[in-house]
N, C-alpha and C. Protein backbone atom coordinates (compact mmCIF):
# COMPACT_ATOMS: atom_id res chain seq x y z
N UNK A 1 -3.30 15.97 56.78
CA UNK A 1 -2.70 15.15 57.05
C UNK A 1 -3.25 14.33 58.00
N UNK A 2 -2.74 13.16 58.65
CA UNK A 2 -3.55 12.29 59.02
C UNK A 2 -2.55 11.58 60.28
N UNK A 3 -3.65 11.63 61.80
CA UNK A 3 -2.53 11.60 62.71
C UNK A 3 -3.37 10.53 63.85
N UNK A 4 -2.29 9.54 63.68
CA UNK A 4 -2.30 7.95 64.64
C UNK A 4 -3.10 8.80 65.83
N UNK A 5 -4.53 7.70 66.45
CA UNK A 5 -5.14 7.48 67.40
C UNK A 5 -3.99 6.89 68.66
N UNK A 6 -4.26 6.59 70.28
CA UNK A 6 -3.69 6.44 71.27
C UNK A 6 -4.89 5.43 70.95
N UNK A 7 -5.83 5.00 70.64
CA UNK A 7 -6.35 4.42 70.57
C UNK A 7 -6.40 2.88 69.55
N UNK A 8 -5.89 3.11 68.54
CA UNK A 8 -5.19 2.39 67.64
C UNK A 8 -4.53 1.02 68.59
N UNK A 9 -5.00 0.05 67.77
CA UNK A 9 -4.14 -1.69 68.37
C UNK A 9 -5.12 -2.88 67.94
N UNK A 10 -3.50 -3.68 67.26
CA UNK A 10 -4.16 -4.49 66.30
C UNK A 10 -4.39 -4.38 64.56
N UNK A 11 -5.83 -4.81 64.66
CA UNK A 11 -6.28 -4.16 63.36
C UNK A 11 -7.51 -2.95 62.67
N UNK A 12 -7.59 -2.44 64.06
CA UNK A 12 -8.51 -1.45 64.83
C UNK A 12 -7.25 -0.53 64.98
N UNK A 13 -7.46 -0.01 63.66
CA UNK A 13 -6.66 2.12 64.15
C UNK A 13 -7.43 2.26 63.21
N UNK A 14 -7.44 3.74 64.56
CA UNK A 14 -8.11 5.43 63.92
C UNK A 14 -7.16 6.37 63.08
N UNK A 15 -7.57 7.40 62.75
CA UNK A 15 -6.45 8.56 62.71
C UNK A 15 -7.45 9.76 62.41
N UNK A 16 -7.05 10.65 62.70
CA UNK A 16 -7.47 11.99 62.92
C UNK A 16 -7.51 13.33 62.25
N UNK A 17 -8.24 13.61 60.94
CA UNK A 17 -7.51 13.53 59.49
C UNK A 17 -8.27 15.94 60.07
N UNK A 18 -6.09 15.80 60.02
CA UNK A 18 -5.75 17.50 60.17
C UNK A 18 -5.12 18.11 59.11
N UNK A 19 -6.44 19.52 58.72
CA UNK A 19 -6.25 20.85 57.06
C UNK A 19 -6.49 20.28 55.78
N UNK A 20 -5.81 20.65 55.34
CA UNK A 20 -6.35 20.14 53.30
C UNK A 20 -5.67 19.14 53.02
N UNK A 21 -6.26 18.17 52.64
CA UNK A 21 -5.12 16.98 52.11
C UNK A 21 -5.05 16.95 50.91
N UNK A 22 -3.67 16.79 50.72
CA UNK A 22 -2.70 16.88 49.48
C UNK A 22 -1.76 15.36 49.51
N UNK A 23 -1.40 15.32 48.15
CA UNK A 23 -1.47 13.56 47.81
C UNK A 23 -0.10 13.03 49.08
N UNK A 24 0.70 14.32 49.23
CA UNK A 24 2.07 13.92 50.06
C UNK A 24 1.38 13.44 51.37
N UNK A 25 -0.12 13.93 52.55
CA UNK A 25 -0.18 13.02 52.90
C UNK A 25 -0.54 11.52 52.96
N UNK A 26 -0.90 10.86 51.93
CA UNK A 26 -1.50 10.05 51.09
C UNK A 26 0.05 9.53 51.62
N UNK A 27 1.28 9.52 50.92
CA UNK A 27 2.14 9.40 50.55
C UNK A 27 2.47 8.85 51.91
N UNK A 28 2.92 9.09 52.65
CA UNK A 28 3.11 9.24 54.06
C UNK A 28 2.18 7.97 54.59
N UNK A 29 0.79 8.20 54.19
CA UNK A 29 0.06 7.24 55.91
C UNK A 29 0.22 5.40 54.59
N UNK A 30 0.70 6.01 53.25
CA UNK A 30 0.80 4.36 52.36
C UNK A 30 1.27 3.65 52.75
N UNK A 31 2.40 4.21 54.02
CA UNK A 31 3.55 2.73 54.22
C UNK A 31 3.52 2.19 55.52
N UNK A 32 2.69 2.71 56.12
CA UNK A 32 2.54 2.54 57.56
C UNK A 32 0.96 1.54 56.76
N UNK A 33 -0.06 1.37 56.21
CA UNK A 33 -1.02 0.82 55.80
C UNK A 33 -1.15 -0.10 55.49
N UNK A 34 0.05 -0.15 54.65
CA UNK A 34 0.31 -0.96 53.24
C UNK A 34 1.13 -3.15 55.14
N UNK A 35 1.55 -2.13 55.94
CA UNK A 35 2.50 -2.79 56.70
C UNK A 35 1.54 -3.19 57.34
N UNK A 36 0.39 -2.58 58.09
CA UNK A 36 -0.62 -3.43 59.29
C UNK A 36 -1.27 -3.92 58.08
N UNK A 37 -1.68 -3.92 56.91
CA UNK A 37 -2.39 -4.65 55.91
C UNK A 37 -1.84 -6.14 55.68
N UNK A 38 0.06 -5.78 55.68
CA UNK A 38 0.43 -6.97 54.91
C UNK A 38 0.96 -8.10 56.46
N UNK A 39 0.42 -7.55 57.69
CA UNK A 39 0.28 -8.01 59.22
C UNK A 39 -0.68 -9.00 59.85
N UNK A 40 -1.80 -7.70 59.73
CA UNK A 40 -2.95 -8.12 60.24
C UNK A 40 -4.20 -8.97 58.81
N UNK A 41 -4.21 -9.18 57.59
CA UNK A 41 -4.51 -9.26 56.72
C UNK A 41 -5.99 -8.46 56.32
N UNK A 42 -7.00 -7.64 57.35
CA UNK A 42 -7.52 -6.67 56.98
C UNK A 42 -7.81 -5.92 58.02
N UNK A 43 -8.61 -4.46 57.47
CA UNK A 43 -8.04 -4.00 59.16
C UNK A 43 -9.52 -3.69 59.12
N UNK A 44 -9.86 -2.86 60.79
CA UNK A 44 -10.74 -1.56 60.48
C UNK A 44 -10.29 -0.04 60.55
N UNK A 45 -11.65 0.45 60.05
CA UNK A 45 -10.55 2.06 60.21
C UNK A 45 -11.45 2.90 60.79
N UNK A 46 -11.06 3.84 61.60
CA UNK A 46 -11.78 5.13 62.08
C UNK A 46 -11.24 6.36 61.63
N UNK A 47 -11.80 7.52 61.19
CA UNK A 47 -11.47 8.15 61.13
C UNK A 47 -11.83 9.51 61.21
N UNK A 48 -11.45 9.96 62.05
CA UNK A 48 -11.98 11.67 62.83
C UNK A 48 -11.50 12.68 62.23
N UNK A 49 -12.87 13.35 61.35
CA UNK A 49 -12.54 14.19 60.46
C UNK A 49 -13.12 15.48 60.97
N UNK A 50 -12.74 15.97 62.86
CA UNK A 50 -13.16 16.87 63.00
C UNK A 50 -12.08 18.12 62.51
N UNK A 51 -10.89 18.24 62.64
CA UNK A 51 -9.70 18.94 62.02
C UNK A 51 -9.68 18.45 60.85
N UNK A 52 -10.56 18.11 59.93
CA UNK A 52 -10.59 18.11 57.90
C UNK A 52 -10.92 19.58 57.68
N UNK A 53 -10.74 19.90 56.46
CA UNK A 53 -10.42 21.34 55.80
C UNK A 53 -10.65 21.35 54.12
N UNK A 54 -10.82 19.90 54.07
CA UNK A 54 -11.16 19.48 52.10
C UNK A 54 -9.83 19.27 51.73
N UNK A 55 -9.71 19.00 50.61
CA UNK A 55 -8.46 18.29 49.86
C UNK A 55 -8.42 19.25 48.86
N UNK A 56 -6.95 19.71 48.39
CA UNK A 56 -5.94 20.49 47.02
C UNK A 56 -6.99 18.66 45.89
N UNK A 57 -6.99 19.33 44.78
CA UNK A 57 -7.46 18.72 43.60
C UNK A 57 -7.11 17.32 43.47
N UNK A 58 -5.54 17.74 43.70
CA UNK A 58 -5.17 16.57 44.03
C UNK A 58 -4.92 15.72 44.92
N UNK A 59 -5.35 15.77 45.65
CA UNK A 59 -5.55 15.36 46.80
C UNK A 59 -7.17 14.16 46.55
N UNK A 60 -7.54 14.58 46.38
CA UNK A 60 -9.23 13.68 45.60
C UNK A 60 -8.68 12.98 44.87
N UNK A 61 -8.06 13.62 44.25
CA UNK A 61 -7.03 12.08 42.72
C UNK A 61 -6.77 11.16 43.88
N UNK A 62 -5.25 11.23 44.94
CA UNK A 62 -5.15 10.40 45.57
C UNK A 62 -5.39 9.58 46.11
N UNK A 63 -6.95 10.05 47.20
CA UNK A 63 -7.95 9.38 47.93
C UNK A 63 -8.62 8.34 47.10
N UNK A 64 -8.57 9.08 46.41
CA UNK A 64 -9.28 7.55 45.53
C UNK A 64 -8.75 6.98 44.94
N UNK A 65 -7.95 7.20 44.69
CA UNK A 65 -6.54 5.97 43.85
C UNK A 65 -6.10 5.28 45.53
N UNK A 66 -5.91 5.90 46.72
CA UNK A 66 -5.42 4.74 48.15
C UNK A 66 -6.63 3.98 48.29
N UNK A 67 -7.83 4.29 48.10
CA UNK A 67 -9.07 3.82 48.68
C UNK A 67 -9.23 2.05 47.78
N UNK A 68 -8.72 2.05 46.27
CA UNK A 68 -9.58 1.61 45.04
C UNK A 68 -7.89 0.54 45.86
N UNK A 69 -6.94 1.29 46.06
CA UNK A 69 -5.55 0.01 46.44
C UNK A 69 -6.33 -0.39 47.32
N UNK A 70 -7.08 -0.11 48.71
CA UNK A 70 -7.11 -0.73 49.87
C UNK A 70 -8.06 -1.34 50.70
N UNK A 71 -9.26 -0.96 48.75
CA UNK A 71 -10.93 -1.03 49.30
C UNK A 71 -11.24 -2.87 50.20
N UNK A 72 -10.48 -3.51 48.93
CA UNK A 72 -10.43 -5.29 49.78
C UNK A 72 -9.68 -5.19 50.99
N UNK A 73 -9.82 -4.18 52.26
CA UNK A 73 -8.70 -4.34 52.73
C UNK A 73 -9.81 -4.02 54.10
N UNK A 74 -10.12 -3.46 53.83
CA UNK A 74 -11.06 -2.40 55.08
C UNK A 74 -12.14 -3.10 54.98
N UNK A 75 -12.11 -3.93 56.03
CA UNK A 75 -13.12 -4.49 56.66
C UNK A 75 -14.52 -3.79 57.04
N UNK A 76 -14.04 -2.49 58.13
CA UNK A 76 -15.51 -1.69 58.44
C UNK A 76 -14.92 0.39 58.54
N UNK A 77 -15.60 0.33 58.63
CA UNK A 77 -14.57 2.00 58.54
C UNK A 77 -15.79 2.32 59.49
N UNK A 78 -15.38 3.94 60.13
CA UNK A 78 -16.00 5.08 60.84
C UNK A 78 -15.66 6.03 60.75
N UNK A 79 -15.99 6.96 60.15
CA UNK A 79 -16.66 8.14 59.83
C UNK A 79 -17.44 8.91 61.44
N UNK A 80 -16.44 9.49 62.31
CA UNK A 80 -16.18 10.70 62.97
C UNK A 80 -16.41 12.13 62.37
N UNK A 81 -17.10 13.20 63.22
CA UNK A 81 -17.90 14.14 62.80
C UNK A 81 -18.88 14.55 63.17
N UNK A 82 -19.39 15.66 62.41
CA UNK A 82 -20.38 16.53 62.93
C UNK A 82 -21.63 17.10 62.57
N UNK A 83 -20.72 17.13 61.10
CA UNK A 83 -21.86 18.06 60.04
C UNK A 83 -22.19 17.12 59.27
N UNK A 84 -23.32 17.52 58.63
CA UNK A 84 -23.82 16.85 57.34
C UNK A 84 -23.18 16.21 55.84
N UNK A 85 -21.19 16.93 55.88
CA UNK A 85 -21.23 16.47 54.80
C UNK A 85 -20.53 15.80 54.59
N UNK A 86 -20.04 15.66 55.98
CA UNK A 86 -18.99 14.01 56.81
C UNK A 86 -20.07 13.43 56.90
N UNK A 87 -21.57 13.03 57.49
CA UNK A 87 -22.55 12.20 56.85
C UNK A 87 -22.71 11.32 55.78
N UNK A 88 -22.12 12.66 54.97
CA UNK A 88 -22.77 12.13 52.99
C UNK A 88 -20.61 11.73 52.62
N UNK A 89 -20.18 12.18 53.53
CA UNK A 89 -18.60 11.61 53.63
C UNK A 89 -19.29 10.23 53.59
N UNK A 90 -20.00 9.28 54.43
CA UNK A 90 -19.88 8.05 54.81
C UNK A 90 -20.36 7.38 53.72
N UNK A 91 -21.08 7.92 53.02
CA UNK A 91 -21.85 6.85 51.49
C UNK A 91 -20.67 7.14 50.44
N UNK A 92 -19.57 7.53 50.69
CA UNK A 92 -18.79 7.21 48.92
C UNK A 92 -17.44 6.41 50.23
N UNK A 93 -17.52 6.44 51.38
CA UNK A 93 -16.67 5.37 51.62
C UNK A 93 -16.52 4.11 51.55
N UNK A 94 -17.96 4.14 51.66
CA UNK A 94 -19.10 2.70 51.69
C UNK A 94 -18.57 2.38 49.42
N UNK A 95 -18.39 2.92 49.16
CA UNK A 95 -18.21 2.79 47.45
C UNK A 95 -16.85 2.57 47.54
N UNK A 96 -15.21 3.71 48.08
CA UNK A 96 -13.93 3.85 47.75
C UNK A 96 -13.72 2.89 49.22
N UNK A 97 -13.52 3.48 50.10
CA UNK A 97 -13.19 1.78 50.78
C UNK A 97 -13.52 0.89 51.78
N UNK A 98 -14.71 0.96 51.89
CA UNK A 98 -15.35 -0.63 52.51
C UNK A 98 -17.39 -0.37 52.86
N UNK A 99 -18.13 -1.35 52.36
CA UNK A 99 -18.91 -1.50 52.37
C UNK A 99 -19.75 -1.51 53.85
N UNK A 100 -18.51 -1.34 54.27
CA UNK A 100 -19.35 -1.26 56.39
C UNK A 100 -19.05 -0.24 56.06
N UNK A 101 -19.33 1.13 56.01
CA UNK A 101 -19.64 2.28 56.27
C UNK A 101 -20.47 2.23 57.34
N UNK A 102 -20.28 3.50 58.58
CA UNK A 102 -20.82 4.54 59.21
C UNK A 102 -20.74 5.95 60.34
N UNK A 103 -21.40 6.46 60.17
CA UNK A 103 -21.29 7.94 60.28
C UNK A 103 -21.82 7.91 62.18
N UNK A 104 -20.91 8.32 62.36
CA UNK A 104 -20.58 8.15 64.38
C UNK A 104 -20.89 10.05 64.61
N UNK A 105 -21.46 10.91 65.47
CA UNK A 105 -21.02 11.88 65.84
C UNK A 105 -19.61 11.98 66.89
N UNK A 106 -19.37 13.55 67.09
CA UNK A 106 -18.26 12.95 67.25
C UNK A 106 -18.24 13.26 69.15
N UNK A 107 -19.51 12.83 69.75
CA UNK A 107 -19.84 13.21 71.07
C UNK A 107 -19.80 11.32 71.23
N UNK A 108 -20.08 10.68 70.36
CA UNK A 108 -21.04 8.83 70.12
C UNK A 108 -19.36 8.56 69.33
N UNK A 109 -17.85 9.13 70.01
CA UNK A 109 -16.48 8.61 69.07
C UNK A 109 -15.96 7.35 69.91
N UNK A 110 -16.57 6.90 71.48
CA UNK A 110 -16.64 6.18 72.14
C UNK A 110 -17.25 4.66 71.58
N UNK A 111 -18.33 5.23 70.44
CA UNK A 111 -19.30 3.96 70.01
C UNK A 111 -18.91 3.74 68.95
N UNK A 112 -17.38 4.45 68.36
CA UNK A 112 -17.95 3.97 66.79
C UNK A 112 -16.71 2.63 67.34
N UNK A 113 -15.76 3.17 68.08
CA UNK A 113 -14.17 2.16 68.13
C UNK A 113 -15.17 1.22 69.41
N UNK A 114 -16.07 0.73 69.62
CA UNK A 114 -16.68 -0.11 70.13
C UNK A 114 -16.97 -1.05 69.00
N UNK A 115 -17.52 -0.45 67.57
CA UNK A 115 -18.71 -0.96 66.71
C UNK A 115 -17.57 -2.28 65.73
N UNK A 116 -16.52 -0.77 65.73
CA UNK A 116 -14.86 -1.55 64.80
C UNK A 116 -14.64 -3.00 65.80
N UNK A 117 -14.61 -2.50 66.71
CA UNK A 117 -13.88 -4.27 67.54
C UNK A 117 -15.30 -5.39 67.95
N UNK A 118 -15.85 -5.16 67.33
CA UNK A 118 -17.21 -5.95 67.32
C UNK A 118 -16.76 -6.50 66.40
């Protein structure tokens, strides 16, 4: 599931990713995301991966489709976490979500928000 973070404002939006993602998670996120893109034109995105437990097989497909649909609308993307695979995930994000994607350790989440707002 995606939980919107309170630090979100304007075209800078963040989500805590919790549990194992399935297509229904992307279906719930899509209307909010689409409305934000329509309002702002493009967005800057933060994903806090601390509670992420992976994705179902169909979840990976939904993730890919979601990323391809909104790829040109995400200016910057910050991936926040503490594992090597989350850092690796940032490289995939460059192809699927935003060409300007960076990894930040959880302790540096405030730096991630600052970078997105620059």
